[in-house]
Amino acid sequence: MEIVPTAISGVFELRLDVRADKRGRFKRHYCEKTFAEAGLMTRVVQVNHSITLGRGSLRGLHFQRPPHMEDKLVSCTLGRVFDVAVDLRRGSPTYLRWIGIELDESRAFHIPRGCAHGFQALSDEAHLVYLHSEYYVSEAEGGVRYDDPAIGIAWPLGPSNLSDRDRSFAPIDDEFESLAV
């Protein structure tokens, strides 16, 4: 596993060592020792699995408010996605900057607390597995619009198949409460 820093502090691309033979493939998603040595999350309290159907389908951008902010490790186990992290941390030099990487079975994304997360399916079916450092609390969930001009994400495909909730997030304005970390 190679852990590659990005332009946003705490956001890392993980290049997974996929071993293949005639029986199939094997890869390690998480290793507490490796993560601790790199300063990444080592507390995993919840694992979620999402299945997204339809090329271009978009989910996000979601985050948890204090005191329930979470680190996430996002892995794509089937298909391909364009995965995005947006820095919402008050005082961060990269506040409102985003980074996106293509995930497939050979890459994962570490997204730290204080960042929003979203993704777009690049294949007809995409499966993501999320490791979370904190428990999900519905009252703490927040979101920002996928097409917010203050962020300017360049999605690779025309966004489609959004939930009503994701469409309803307000754009960032002067009253947006950034996240204190």
C-alpha atoms as a PDB file:
ATOM      1  CA  MET A   1       0.000   0.000   0.000  1.00  0.00           C
ATOM      2  CA  GLU A   2       1.357   3.377  -1.007  1.00  0.00           C
ATOM      3  CA  ILE A   3      -0.018   6.430   0.834  1.00  0.00           C
ATOM      4  CA  VAL A   4       0.167   9.538  -1.359  1.00  0.00           C
ATOM      5  CA  PRO A   5      -0.485  13.030   0.072  1.00  0.00           C
ATOM      6  CA  THR A   6      -2.635  15.452  -1.911  1.00  0.00           C
ATOM      7  CA  ALA A   7      -2.788  19.265  -2.033  1.00  0.00           C
ATOM      8  CA  ILE A   8      -5.278  19.237   0.889  1.00  0.00           C
ATOM      9  CA  SER A   9      -3.887  18.467   4.332  1.00  0.00           C
ATOM     10  CA  GLY A  10      -5.112  15.126   5.657  1.00  0.00           C
ATOM     11  CA  VAL A  11      -6.499  13.946   2.312  1.00  0.00           C
ATOM     12  CA  PHE A  12      -4.559  10.988   0.948  1.00  0.00           C
ATOM     13  CA  GLU A  13      -4.794   8.731  -2.062  1.00  0.00           C
ATOM     14  CA  LEU A  14      -4.035   5.132  -1.226  1.00  0.00           C
ATOM     15  CA  ARG A  15      -2.652   2.988  -3.992  1.00  0.00           C
ATOM     16  CA  LEU A  16      -3.517  -0.554  -3.091  1.00  0.00           C
ATOM     17  CA  ASP A  17      -1.354  -3.527  -3.934  1.00  0.00           C
ATOM     18  CA  VAL A  18      -3.724  -5.759  -5.900  1.00  0.00           C
ATOM     19  CA  ARG A  19      -2.425  -9.283  -6.255  1.00  0.00           C
ATOM     20  CA  ALA A  20      -3.971 -11.378  -8.983  1.00  0.00           C
ATOM     21  CA  ASP A  21      -3.741 -14.901 -10.241  1.00  0.00           C
ATOM     22  CA  LYS A  22      -6.033 -17.293 -12.102  1.00  0.00           C
ATOM     23  CA  ARG A  23      -8.297 -17.545  -8.995  1.00  0.00           C
ATOM     24  CA  GLY A  24      -8.982 -13.822  -8.799  1.00  0.00           C
ATOM     25  CA  ARG A  25      -7.601 -10.850  -6.874  1.00  0.00           C
ATOM     26  CA  PHE A  26      -6.635  -9.885  -3.317  1.00  0.00           C
ATOM     27  CA  LYS A  27      -5.922  -6.493  -1.747  1.00  0.00           C
ATOM     28  CA  ARG A  28      -5.614  -4.984   1.705  1.00  0.00           C
ATOM     29  CA  HIS A  29      -7.874  -1.963   2.349  1.00  0.00           C
ATOM     30  CA  TYR A  30      -6.733  -1.135   5.845  1.00  0.00           C
ATOM     31  CA  CYS A  31      -3.849  -1.872   8.196  1.00  0.00           C
ATOM     32  CA  GLU A  32      -3.871  -0.221  11.618  1.00  0.00           C
ATOM     33  CA  LYS A  33      -0.067  -0.270  11.900  1.00  0.00           C
ATOM     34  CA  THR A  34       0.465   1.272   8.446  1.00  0.00           C
ATOM     35  CA  PHE A  35      -2.197   3.921   9.074  1.00  0.00           C
ATOM     36  CA  ALA A  36      -0.800   4.808  12.523  1.00  0.00           C
ATOM     37  CA  GLU A  37       2.711   5.202  11.092  1.00  0.00           C
ATOM     38  CA  ALA A  38       1.304   7.598   8.446  1.00  0.00           C
ATOM     39  CA  GLY A  39      -0.789   9.551  10.979  1.00  0.00           C
ATOM     40  CA  LEU A  40      -4.088   8.385   9.466  1.00  0.00           C
ATOM     41  CA  MET A  41      -7.212   7.195  11.250  1.00  0.00           C
ATOM     42  CA  THR A  42      -6.864   4.042  13.278  1.00  0.00           C
ATOM     43  CA  ARG A  43     -10.231   4.056  15.021  1.00  0.00           C
ATOM     44  CA  VAL A  44     -12.916   2.329  12.942  1.00  0.00           C
ATOM     45  CA  VAL A  45     -16.361   2.192  14.538  1.00  0.00           C
ATOM     46  CA  GLN A  46     -18.608   1.745  11.519  1.00  0.00           C
ATOM     47  CA  VAL A  47     -18.340   0.215   8.041  1.00  0.00           C
ATOM     48  CA  ASN A  48     -20.882   1.127   5.353  1.00  0.00           C
ATOM     49  CA  HIS A  49     -21.407  -0.197   1.838  1.00  0.00           C
ATOM     50  CA  SER A  50     -23.156   1.783  -0.904  1.00  0.00           C
ATOM     51  CA  ILE A  51     -24.263   0.528  -4.282  1.00  0.00           C
ATOM     52  CA  THR A  52     -24.814   3.180  -6.936  1.00  0.00           C
ATOM     53  CA  LEU A  53     -26.517   2.385 -10.211  1.00  0.00           C
ATOM     54  CA  GLY A  54     -26.257   4.464 -13.374  1.00  0.00           C
ATOM     55  CA  ARG A  55     -23.220   6.043 -14.964  1.00  0.00           C
ATOM     56  CA  GLY A  56     -23.191   9.743 -14.001  1.00  0.00           C
ATOM     57  CA  SER A  57     -25.162   9.201 -10.769  1.00  0.00           C
ATOM     58  CA  LEU A  58     -23.915  11.549  -8.104  1.00  0.00           C
ATOM     59  CA  ARG A  59     -23.984  11.323  -4.295  1.00  0.00           C
ATOM     60  CA  GLY A  60     -22.975  14.143  -1.986  1.00  0.00           C
ATOM     61  CA  LEU A  61     -21.456  16.355  -0.845  1.00  0.00           C
ATOM     62  CA  HIS A  62     -21.915  15.208   2.787  1.00  0.00           C
ATOM     63  CA  PHE A  63     -20.209  15.861   6.122  1.00  0.00           C
ATOM     64  CA  GLN A  64     -20.835  15.479   9.869  1.00  0.00           C
ATOM     65  CA  ARG A  65     -20.897  18.553  12.132  1.00  0.00           C
ATOM     66  CA  PRO A  66     -19.031  18.740  15.454  1.00  0.00           C
ATOM     67  CA  PRO A  67     -18.809  16.929  17.737  1.00  0.00           C
ATOM     68  CA  HIS A  68     -19.496  14.029  15.337  1.00  0.00           C
ATOM     69  CA  MET A  69     -17.000  14.849  12.585  1.00  0.00           C
ATOM     70  CA  GLU A  70     -15.370  11.769  11.120  1.00  0.00           C
ATOM     71  CA  ASP A  71     -12.414  10.514   9.187  1.00  0.00           C
ATOM     72  CA  LYS A  72     -13.350   8.219   6.313  1.00  0.00           C
ATOM     73  CA  LEU A  73     -11.533   5.643   4.266  1.00  0.00           C
ATOM     74  CA  VAL A  74     -13.417   5.162   0.993  1.00  0.00           C
ATOM     75  CA  SER A  75     -12.716   2.160  -1.231  1.00  0.00           C
ATOM     76  CA  CYS A  76     -14.329   1.163  -4.511  1.00  0.00           C
ATOM     77  CA  THR A  77     -14.847  -2.589  -4.638  1.00  0.00           C
ATOM     78  CA  LEU A  78     -16.708  -2.778  -7.962  1.00  0.00           C
ATOM     79  CA  GLY A  79     -16.783  -0.366 -10.889  1.00  0.00           C
ATOM     80  CA  ARG A  80     -15.250   3.107 -10.955  1.00  0.00           C
ATOM     81  CA  VAL A  81     -16.095   6.452  -9.356  1.00  0.00           C
ATOM     82  CA  PHE A  82     -14.791  10.007  -9.334  1.00  0.00           C
ATOM     83  CA  ASP A  83     -14.404  10.622  -5.601  1.00  0.00           C
ATOM     84  CA  VAL A  84     -14.206  14.158  -4.186  1.00  0.00           C
ATOM     85  CA  ALA A  85     -13.135  15.725  -0.890  1.00  0.00           C
ATOM     86  CA  VAL A  86     -13.879  19.413  -0.164  1.00  0.00           C
ATOM     87  CA  ASP A  87     -12.058  21.240   2.638  1.00  0.00           C
ATOM     88  CA  LEU A  88     -14.619  22.952   4.921  1.00  0.00           C
ATOM     89  CA  ARG A  89     -12.212  23.563   7.823  1.00  0.00           C
ATOM     90  CA  ARG A  90     -12.255  27.078   9.234  1.00  0.00           C
ATOM     91  CA  GLY A  91      -8.832  28.701   8.912  1.00  0.00           C
ATOM     92  CA  SER A  92      -7.445  26.044   6.571  1.00  0.00           C
ATOM     93  CA  PRO A  93      -5.217  27.388   3.789  1.00  0.00           C
ATOM     94  CA  THR A  94      -7.171  25.147   1.391  1.00  0.00           C
ATOM     95  CA  TYR A  95     -10.652  26.150   2.619  1.00  0.00           C
ATOM     96  CA  LEU A  96     -13.265  25.431  -0.113  1.00  0.00           C
ATOM     97  CA  ARG A  97     -10.688  23.719  -2.313  1.00  0.00           C
ATOM     98  CA  TRP A  98     -11.514  20.285  -3.637  1.00  0.00           C
ATOM     99  CA  ILE A  99      -9.581  17.315  -4.842  1.00  0.00           C
ATOM    100  CA  GLY A 100     -10.927  14.456  -6.903  1.00  0.00           C
ATOM    101  CA  ILE A 101      -9.444  11.104  -7.814  1.00  0.00           C
ATOM    102  CA  GLU A 102     -10.736   8.154  -9.744  1.00  0.00           C
ATOM    103  CA  LEU A 103     -11.286   5.148  -7.538  1.00  0.00           C
ATOM    104  CA  ASP A 104     -11.361   1.578  -8.736  1.00  0.00           C
ATOM    105  CA  GLU A 105     -10.279  -1.594  -7.015  1.00  0.00           C
ATOM    106  CA  SER A 106      -6.662  -0.383  -6.902  1.00  0.00           C
ATOM    107  CA  ARG A 107      -7.188   3.007  -5.177  1.00  0.00           C
ATOM    108  CA  ALA A 108      -8.779   4.285  -1.978  1.00  0.00           C
ATOM    109  CA  PHE A 109      -9.271   7.765  -0.501  1.00  0.00           C
ATOM    110  CA  HIS A 110      -8.636   8.928   3.064  1.00  0.00           C
ATOM    111  CA  ILE A 111     -10.833  11.943   3.877  1.00  0.00           C
ATOM    112  CA  PRO A 112     -10.270  13.690   7.214  1.00  0.00           C
ATOM    113  CA  ARG A 113     -12.806  15.237   9.567  1.00  0.00           C
ATOM    114  CA  GLY A 114     -13.829  18.688   8.402  1.00  0.00           C
ATOM    115  CA  CYS A 115     -14.036  17.734   4.751  1.00  0.00           C
ATOM    116  CA  ALA A 116     -17.187  17.043   2.733  1.00  0.00           C
ATOM    117  CA  HIS A 117     -17.324  13.928   0.573  1.00  0.00           C
ATOM    118  CA  GLY A 118     -19.147  13.057  -2.627  1.00  0.00           C
ATOM    119  CA  PHE A 119     -18.700  10.922  -5.701  1.00  0.00           C
ATOM    120  CA  GLN A 120     -19.943  10.295  -9.215  1.00  0.00           C
ATOM    121  CA  ALA A 121     -20.305   6.826 -10.727  1.00  0.00           C
ATOM    122  CA  LEU A 122     -18.172   6.351 -13.840  1.00  0.00           C
ATOM    123  CA  SER A 123     -19.534   2.865 -14.464  1.00  0.00           C
ATOM    124  CA  ASP A 124     -23.069   1.481 -14.667  1.00  0.00           C
ATOM    125  CA  GLU A 125     -22.684   0.015 -11.180  1.00  0.00           C
ATOM    126  CA  ALA A 126     -20.290   1.115  -8.444  1.00  0.00           C
ATOM    127  CA  HIS A 127     -19.833  -0.324  -4.956  1.00  0.00           C
ATOM    128  CA  LEU A 128     -18.121   1.723  -2.250  1.00  0.00           C
ATOM    129  CA  VAL A 129     -17.074   0.591   1.212  1.00  0.00           C
ATOM    130  CA  TYR A 130     -16.556   3.296   3.845  1.00  0.00           C
ATOM    131  CA  LEU A 131     -14.662   2.890   7.100  1.00  0.00           C
ATOM    132  CA  HIS A 132     -15.701   5.605   9.591  1.00  0.00           C
ATOM    133  CA  SER A 133     -13.882   6.834  12.696  1.00  0.00           C
ATOM    134  CA  GLU A 134     -17.136   8.026  14.330  1.00  0.00           C
ATOM    135  CA  TYR A 135     -20.717   6.804  14.478  1.00  0.00           C
ATOM    136  CA  TYR A 136     -23.243   8.333  12.094  1.00  0.00           C
ATOM    137  CA  VAL A 137     -25.573  10.827  13.797  1.00  0.00           C
ATOM    138  CA  SER A 138     -28.390  11.989  11.506  1.00  0.00           C
ATOM    139  CA  GLU A 139     -28.846  15.295  13.356  1.00  0.00           C
ATOM    140  CA  ALA A 140     -25.176  16.143  12.720  1.00  0.00           C
ATOM    141  CA  GLU A 141     -25.283  15.518   8.976  1.00  0.00           C
ATOM    142  CA  GLY A 142     -24.781  18.456   6.665  1.00  0.00           C
ATOM    143  CA  GLY A 143     -24.122  18.996   3.024  1.00  0.00           C
ATOM    144  CA  VAL A 144     -23.100  21.426   0.337  1.00  0.00           C
ATOM    145  CA  ARG A 145     -24.327  21.532  -3.237  1.00  0.00           C
ATOM    146  CA  TYR A 146     -22.538  19.411  -5.794  1.00  0.00           C
ATOM    147  CA  ASP A 147     -22.604  22.367  -8.233  1.00  0.00           C
ATOM    148  CA  ASP A 148     -21.774  25.170  -5.797  1.00  0.00           C
ATOM    149  CA  PRO A 149     -19.863  27.884  -7.693  1.00  0.00           C
ATOM    150  CA  ALA A 150     -17.885  28.702  -4.530  1.00  0.00           C
ATOM    151  CA  ILE A 151     -16.293  25.253  -4.876  1.00  0.00           C
ATOM    152  CA  GLY A 152     -16.390  24.701  -8.655  1.00  0.00           C
ATOM    153  CA  ILE A 153     -16.039  20.935  -8.893  1.00  0.00           C
ATOM    154  CA  ALA A 154     -15.371  19.749 -12.440  1.00  0.00           C
ATOM    155  CA  TRP A 155     -17.398  16.526 -12.488  1.00  0.00           C
ATOM    156  CA  PRO A 156     -16.254  14.288 -15.373  1.00  0.00           C
ATOM    157  CA  LEU A 157     -19.831  13.531 -16.502  1.00  0.00           C
ATOM    158  CA  GLY A 158     -23.037  15.508 -16.444  1.00  0.00           C
ATOM    159  CA  PRO A 159     -24.381  14.892 -12.921  1.00  0.00           C
ATOM    160  CA  SER A 160     -27.531  12.785 -12.862  1.00  0.00           C
ATOM    161  CA  ASN A 161     -29.748  10.747 -10.596  1.00  0.00           C
ATOM    162  CA  LEU A 162     -29.314  12.982  -7.533  1.00  0.00           C
ATOM    163  CA  SER A 163     -31.425  12.557  -4.421  1.00  0.00           C
ATOM    164  CA  ASP A 164     -33.867  15.304  -3.465  1.00  0.00           C
ATOM    165  CA  ARG A 165     -31.776  15.888  -0.346  1.00  0.00           C
ATOM    166  CA  ASP A 166     -28.558  16.417  -2.338  1.00  0.00           C
ATOM    167  CA  ARG A 167     -30.351  18.824  -4.703  1.00  0.00           C
ATOM    168  CA  SER A 168     -31.722  20.807  -1.738  1.00  0.00           C
ATOM    169  CA  PHE A 169     -28.424  21.739  -0.094  1.00  0.00           C
ATOM    170  CA  ALA A 170     -27.964  25.514  -0.055  1.00  0.00           C
ATOM    171  CA  PRO A 171     -24.993  27.083  -1.811  1.00  0.00           C
ATOM    172  CA  ILE A 172     -22.191  28.387   0.377  1.00  0.00           C
ATOM    173  CA  ASP A 173     -22.647  32.046   1.294  1.00  0.00           C
ATOM    174  CA  ASP A 174     -21.514  34.465   4.011  1.00  0.00           C
ATOM    175  CA  GLU A 175     -23.672  32.652   6.542  1.00  0.00           C
ATOM    176  CA  PHE A 176     -22.191  29.200   5.887  1.00  0.00           C
ATOM    177  CA  GLU A 177     -20.755  27.809   9.095  1.00  0.00           C
ATOM    178  CA  SER A 178     -17.386  26.276   8.326  1.00  0.00           C
ATOM    179  CA  LEU A 179     -16.186  23.382  10.464  1.00  0.00           C
ATOM    180  CA  ALA A 180     -13.835  23.911  13.384  1.00  0.00           C
ATOM    181  CA  VAL A 181     -11.462  20.997  13.740  1.00  0.00           C
END
